[in-house]
Protein backbone atom coordinates (compact mmCIF):
# COMPACT_ATOMS: atom_id res chain seq x y z
CA MET A 1 -1.93 23.99 -23.59
CA LYS A 2 -2.14 25.50 -20.19
CA LYS A 3 -5.86 24.02 -19.39
CA ALA A 4 -4.84 20.58 -20.35
CA ILE A 5 -1.92 20.96 -17.36
CA LEU A 6 -4.50 22.15 -15.36
CA VAL A 7 -6.55 19.24 -15.54
CA ILE A 8 -3.99 16.82 -15.40
CA LEU A 9 -2.96 18.28 -11.97
CA GLY A 10 -5.96 18.14 -10.58
CA PHE A 11 -6.40 14.41 -11.64
CA VAL A 12 -3.23 13.79 -9.93
CA ALA A 13 -4.45 15.60 -6.93
CA VAL A 14 -7.87 13.27 -7.21
CA LEU A 15 -6.13 10.16 -7.18
CA GLN A 16 -3.71 11.12 -4.43
CA GLY A 17 -7.08 11.56 -2.55
CA GLN A 18 -6.47 15.53 -2.59
CA ALA A 19 -9.57 17.68 -4.72
CA PRO A 20 -7.41 20.93 -5.52
CA GLN A 21 -7.30 23.77 -2.86
CA ASN A 22 -10.72 25.15 -1.49
CA GLU A 23 -12.66 22.21 -3.52
CA ILE A 24 -15.11 19.17 -2.47
CA LYS A 25 -14.73 16.58 -5.02
CA THR A 26 -17.99 14.16 -5.14
CA PHE A 27 -17.15 10.23 -6.61
CA HIS A 28 -19.64 7.39 -6.62
CA VAL A 29 -17.72 4.56 -5.12
CA GLN A 30 -20.70 1.95 -5.33
CA GLY A 31 -23.96 1.16 -4.19
CA ASN A 32 -25.51 4.10 -2.63
CA VAL A 33 -22.15 5.23 -1.10
CA TYR A 34 -20.21 8.42 -2.38
CA MET A 35 -16.90 9.72 -0.88
CA LEU A 36 -16.06 13.56 -0.64
CA VAL A 37 -12.61 14.40 -0.85
CA GLY A 38 -11.18 17.84 -0.69
CA ALA A 39 -12.34 18.28 3.33
CA GLY A 40 -9.83 17.26 5.10
CA GLY A 41 -10.16 13.83 6.21
CA ASN A 42 -12.72 12.05 3.52
CA ILE A 43 -16.50 11.80 4.05
CA ALA A 44 -18.77 9.10 3.15
CA VAL A 45 -22.19 10.62 2.40
CA GLN A 46 -24.50 7.25 1.88
CA THR A 47 -28.42 8.50 -0.09
CA GLY A 48 -31.85 6.60 -0.42
CA ASP A 49 -35.62 7.33 0.02
CA GLU A 50 -35.12 7.63 3.67
CA GLY A 51 -32.82 9.98 3.74
CA VAL A 52 -29.20 10.59 3.78
CA LEU A 53 -26.10 9.56 6.20
CA VAL A 54 -22.80 10.79 6.44
CA VAL A 55 -19.85 9.66 7.89
CA ASP A 56 -17.60 12.20 9.20
CA THR A 57 -17.71 15.65 7.92
CA GLY A 58 -14.01 16.67 7.26
CA VAL A 59 -12.80 20.31 9.03
CA ALA A 60 -14.50 23.44 9.70
CA GLN A 61 -13.12 25.63 7.02
CA THR A 62 -14.67 23.83 4.18
CA ARG A 63 -18.01 22.97 6.23
CA ASP A 64 -20.09 24.31 4.05
CA LYS A 65 -19.17 23.26 1.18
CA VAL A 66 -19.76 19.63 2.30
CA LEU A 67 -22.96 20.50 3.47
CA ALA A 68 -23.46 22.04 -0.38
CA ALA A 69 -22.37 19.02 -1.66
CA ILE A 70 -24.38 16.64 0.28
CA ARG A 71 -26.88 18.80 -1.05
CA GLN A 72 -26.11 17.86 -4.60
CA LEU A 73 -26.34 14.35 -3.86
CA SER A 74 -29.58 14.52 -2.19
CA THR A 75 -31.82 16.94 -1.09
CA LYS A 76 -34.05 14.28 1.18
CA PRO A 77 -33.16 15.20 4.59
CA ILE A 78 -29.80 14.29 6.86
CA ARG A 79 -31.07 11.62 8.95
CA TRP A 80 -27.81 10.02 10.43
CA MET A 81 -24.27 11.27 11.25
CA ILE A 82 -21.45 9.29 12.06
CA ASN A 83 -17.60 9.73 13.48
CA THR A 84 -14.92 7.26 12.54
CA HIS A 85 -13.20 9.15 15.83
CA ALA A 86 -12.53 12.73 17.35
CA HIS A 87 -10.34 14.55 15.46
CA PRO A 88 -11.23 18.03 14.08
CA ASP A 89 -10.18 17.40 10.15
CA HIS A 90 -13.20 14.55 10.99
CA THR A 91 -15.68 16.08 12.90
CA GLY A 92 -15.28 19.63 12.42
CA GLY A 93 -18.30 20.51 10.03
CA ASN A 94 -20.51 18.06 12.17
CA GLU A 95 -22.55 21.12 13.94
CA THR A 96 -23.00 22.77 10.46
CA VAL A 97 -23.93 18.93 9.17
CA SER A 98 -26.21 17.85 11.90
CA GLN A 99 -27.88 21.12 12.59
CA ALA A 100 -28.93 21.33 8.55
CA GLY A 101 -30.90 17.62 9.31
CA LEU A 102 -33.87 16.84 10.79
CA THR A 103 -34.65 13.29 12.94
CA VAL A 104 -37.60 11.51 12.43
CA ASN A 105 -38.99 13.40 15.67
CA GLY A 106 -37.81 16.77 14.55
CA ASN A 107 -34.34 17.51 16.09
CA PRO A 108 -31.25 17.64 14.09
CA ALA A 109 -29.77 14.86 12.15
CA ALA A 110 -27.84 12.39 15.55
CA ILE A 111 -24.62 11.94 15.58
CA ILE A 112 -23.78 8.70 16.54
CA ALA A 113 -19.80 7.37 17.76
CA HIS A 114 -17.97 5.30 20.68
CA GLU A 115 -18.45 7.11 24.25
CA ASN A 116 -14.79 7.06 23.74
CA VAL A 117 -15.34 10.08 21.04
CA LEU A 118 -17.53 11.70 22.86
CA THR A 119 -15.42 12.03 26.19
CA ARG A 120 -12.61 13.30 23.65
CA MET A 121 -14.14 16.11 22.67
CA THR A 122 -15.54 17.05 25.85
CA GLU A 123 -11.75 16.89 27.63
CA ALA A 124 -11.22 19.03 24.05
CA SER A 125 -14.29 21.64 25.26
CA ARG A 126 -15.83 21.29 22.04
CA PRO A 127 -19.17 22.52 21.46
CA VAL A 128 -22.16 20.49 22.65
CA THR A 129 -23.55 20.91 19.05
CA GLU A 130 -20.51 19.67 17.46
CA ARG A 131 -20.39 16.28 19.99
CA PRO A 132 -21.76 12.61 19.63
CA LEU A 133 -24.55 12.49 21.82
CA ASN A 134 -25.80 9.39 20.14
CA THR A 135 -23.39 6.82 21.43
CA PHE A 136 -22.65 3.53 22.43
CA PHE A 137 -19.94 1.44 24.10
CA GLU A 138 -19.85 -2.32 23.37
CA ASP A 139 -17.77 -3.60 20.21
CA GLU A 140 -20.41 -3.14 17.76
CA ARG A 141 -23.39 -1.71 16.88
CA ASP A 142 -26.29 -2.51 13.26
CA PHE A 143 -29.21 -1.18 12.08
CA TYR A 144 -30.57 -0.33 8.81
CA PHE A 145 -31.77 2.60 6.57
CA ASN A 146 -31.51 3.15 3.06
CA GLY A 147 -32.24 -0.21 2.10
CA GLU A 148 -29.27 -1.97 3.52
CA ALA A 149 -27.81 -2.96 6.93
CA ILE A 150 -24.99 -1.01 8.50
CA PHE A 151 -22.08 -2.36 10.86
CA ILE A 152 -20.12 0.07 12.59
CA TYR A 153 -17.12 -1.99 14.23
CA HIS A 154 -14.95 -0.27 17.26
CA VAL A 155 -11.29 -0.79 16.94
CA PRO A 156 -10.23 0.12 20.59
CA HIS A 157 -6.30 1.73 20.57
CA ALA A 158 -5.45 2.28 17.25
CA HIS A 159 -5.57 5.45 15.79
CA THR A 160 -7.21 6.91 18.77
CA ASP A 161 -9.24 5.15 21.78
CA GLY A 162 -12.20 5.65 19.98
CA ASP A 163 -12.18 4.21 16.18
CA VAL A 164 -14.69 2.59 14.38
CA LEU A 165 -15.01 1.04 10.84
CA VAL A 166 -18.76 1.73 9.17
CA TYR A 167 -19.67 -1.18 6.80
CA PHE A 168 -22.48 -0.75 4.36
CA ARG A 169 -23.38 -4.04 3.45
CA GLY A 170 -25.71 -3.62 0.62
CA SER A 171 -23.39 -1.42 -1.21
CA ASP A 172 -20.60 -3.55 0.03
CA VAL A 173 -18.47 -0.24 0.80
CA LEU A 174 -16.27 -0.11 4.15
CA VAL A 175 -15.42 3.18 5.85
CA ALA A 176 -12.39 2.78 7.81
CA GLY A 177 -11.30 6.18 9.06
CA ASP A 178 -7.49 7.09 10.04
CA ILE A 179 -7.63 2.95 10.35
CA PHE A 180 -6.41 2.78 7.06
CA VAL A 181 -4.93 5.54 4.77
CA THR A 182 -2.95 5.58 1.40
CA THR A 183 -1.28 8.40 2.42
CA THR A 184 1.18 8.33 4.94
CA TYR A 185 2.62 5.84 7.84
CA PRO A 186 -0.60 4.64 10.64
CA VAL A 187 -0.92 8.01 12.24
CA ILE A 188 -0.71 6.89 16.29
CA ASP A 189 -2.04 9.50 18.37
CA ALA A 190 -0.93 8.50 22.21
CA LYS A 191 -2.39 10.60 23.84
CA LEU A 192 -5.62 9.68 22.85
CA GLY A 193 -5.10 6.03 23.32
CA GLY A 194 -3.74 5.07 20.32
CA GLY A 195 -1.11 2.03 19.83
CA VAL A 196 0.12 0.22 17.16
CA GLU A 197 -1.24 -3.34 17.91
CA GLY A 198 -4.80 -1.75 17.57
CA PHE A 199 -3.54 -0.56 14.35
CA VAL A 200 -2.74 -4.40 13.31
CA THR A 201 -6.12 -5.58 15.30
CA GLY A 202 -8.30 -3.01 12.86
CA LEU A 203 -6.62 -3.75 9.54
CA ASN A 204 -7.37 -7.29 10.22
CA LYS A 205 -10.61 -6.61 10.78
CA VAL A 206 -11.49 -5.03 7.71
CA LEU A 207 -9.60 -7.65 5.91
CA ASP A 208 -12.18 -9.75 7.64
CA ILE A 209 -15.55 -7.83 6.48
CA THR A 210 -13.61 -7.26 2.48
CA VAL A 211 -13.83 -9.76 -0.08
CA PRO A 212 -11.96 -9.04 -3.72
CA LYS A 213 -14.09 -9.48 -6.90
CA TYR A 214 -11.88 -10.86 -9.17
CA LEU A 215 -7.43 -11.24 -9.13
CA GLN A 216 -7.74 -9.59 -5.53
CA GLU A 217 -9.24 -6.38 -7.20
CA GLY A 218 -12.30 -4.85 -6.77
CA GLY A 219 -15.12 -6.32 -4.60
CA THR A 220 -15.75 -4.39 -1.49
CA TYR A 221 -14.44 -1.39 -1.94
CA VAL A 222 -12.72 0.46 1.07
CA ILE A 223 -13.02 4.37 1.73
CA PRO A 224 -9.60 5.66 3.61
CA GLY A 225 -9.23 8.25 5.98
CA HIS A 226 -6.89 9.86 3.48
CA GLY A 227 -6.04 8.90 0.16
CA ARG A 228 -7.88 6.97 -2.68
CA VAL A 229 -10.38 4.63 -2.52
CA GLY A 230 -8.77 1.08 -2.13
CA ASP A 231 -9.84 -2.77 -1.84
CA GLU A 232 -8.90 -5.92 0.18
CA ALA A 233 -5.91 -6.02 -1.47
CA ASP A 234 -4.35 -2.44 -1.02
CA VAL A 235 -5.61 -3.01 2.86
CA VAL A 236 -3.47 -6.40 2.58
CA ASP A 237 -0.10 -4.22 1.45
CA TYR A 238 -0.84 -1.60 4.22
CA ARG A 239 -0.99 -4.28 7.09
CA ASP A 240 1.48 -6.19 6.01
CA MET A 241 3.90 -3.09 6.32
CA VAL A 242 2.67 -2.07 9.54
CA VAL A 243 3.71 -5.55 10.87
CA ILE A 244 7.09 -6.40 9.37
CA ILE A 245 8.11 -2.36 10.40
CA ARG A 246 6.70 -3.13 14.26
CA ASP A 247 8.41 -7.14 14.25
CA ARG A 248 11.63 -5.42 13.33
CA ILE A 249 11.99 -2.26 16.04
CA GLN A 250 10.54 -4.89 18.53
CA ASP A 251 13.21 -7.45 17.64
CA MET A 252 15.60 -4.25 17.86
CA ILE A 253 14.15 -3.63 21.59
CA LYS A 254 15.10 -7.34 22.34
CA ARG A 255 18.75 -6.47 21.23
CA GLY A 256 18.79 -3.38 23.20
CA LEU A 257 18.82 -0.73 20.81
CA THR A 258 18.03 2.72 21.97
CA LEU A 259 15.52 4.97 20.33
CA GLU A 260 18.61 7.14 18.58
CA GLN A 261 20.15 4.12 17.27
CA ILE A 262 17.04 2.72 15.77
CA LYS A 263 16.19 5.65 13.86
CA THR A 264 19.60 5.64 12.55
CA ALA A 265 19.08 1.36 11.82
CA ARG A 266 15.88 3.18 9.51
CA PRO A 267 13.55 -0.02 10.03
CA ALA A 268 11.11 1.67 7.46
CA LEU A 269 13.78 2.15 4.56
CA ASP A 270 11.99 0.06 2.21
CA TYR A 271 8.46 2.11 2.68
CA ASP A 272 9.58 4.90 2.95
CA GLY A 273 9.10 5.65 -0.78
CA ARG A 274 5.55 5.13 -0.59
CA TYR A 275 4.64 6.54 2.73
CA GLY A 276 7.49 8.69 4.33
CA ASN A 277 6.82 11.78 2.11
CA ASP A 278 4.64 13.83 4.44
CA LYS A 279 6.07 16.84 6.60
CA SER A 280 3.03 16.49 9.36
CA TRP A 281 4.06 13.05 9.97
CA THR A 282 7.09 11.55 9.50
CA THR A 283 9.35 8.35 9.36
CA ALA A 284 11.14 9.17 12.55
CA MET A 285 7.57 10.39 13.73
CA PHE A 286 6.16 6.84 13.17
CA VAL A 287 9.08 4.48 14.17
CA GLU A 288 9.40 7.02 17.36
CA ALA A 289 5.75 6.48 18.26
CA VAL A 290 6.11 2.13 17.95
CA TYR A 291 9.29 2.45 20.02
CA ARG A 292 7.52 4.00 23.11
CA ASP A 293 4.13 1.69 22.56
CA LEU A 294 6.19 -1.07 22.80
CA THR A 295 8.69 -0.19 25.22
CA GLN A 296 5.65 1.06 27.29
CA LYS A 297 4.09 -2.15 26.93
CA LYS A 298 7.03 -4.39 28.40
CA SER A 299 7.78 -1.97 31.25
CA ASN A 300 3.84 -2.90 32.09
């Protein structure tokens, strides 16, 4: 009986996007793409005849287990890595995974990211071996690997100023980083250039790419930065939530309400049961971040 309860609890944790403590879980999403859960931020792994591509690497504490999980999927060389943004819960394993890889010219696996990610990691004095040295500044970049086209789209000023979406066209899987999560309200890191309008722009970009299969279910699958795999309908719900709360706060600002009055009015009340239970990013923190972003834009 106890064993059955533990299995059920572990399954619930997986559904919530969190593997049991100190354990990395692997799930096949579709096509060539897999998701690793339990390393902080979710990790995507694409495998094929040409080698392995990894999107994000989790926290530093789980880097060896992440590498072991990747090796369970494929023993071919890790050729490429992509960082969706600079935060350590998504880039903490960069050095370990990169050094274990091998490019065609004999160097460690190349880390790709928007140039703002390199800037932010340099400002944080992260080791050179953890930084993305293959950067780009344009709105998007694309290349071909393991039999499918891969598109990287920069979304400025959302979670941070270096966020990217990664779309595997053949597998029809999109990796959203922390632009889309299923566990909390959007985390706006203002110090790293984040903003609420960027979230709306980024989520709309996801919706431009995704296509449902039947009755708005399935089709293109979206790997969130944290939480369970979603589809277009999940992203629509999340986008609508952000827009509704943003507009409510904007209306209160126009009516002259102070930040404390807005918090007391609880503009996110009807969404708190779904997104307001995270102690590290509370409803009040989200409301304040939206308020400060909107009022800063108004003053400018």
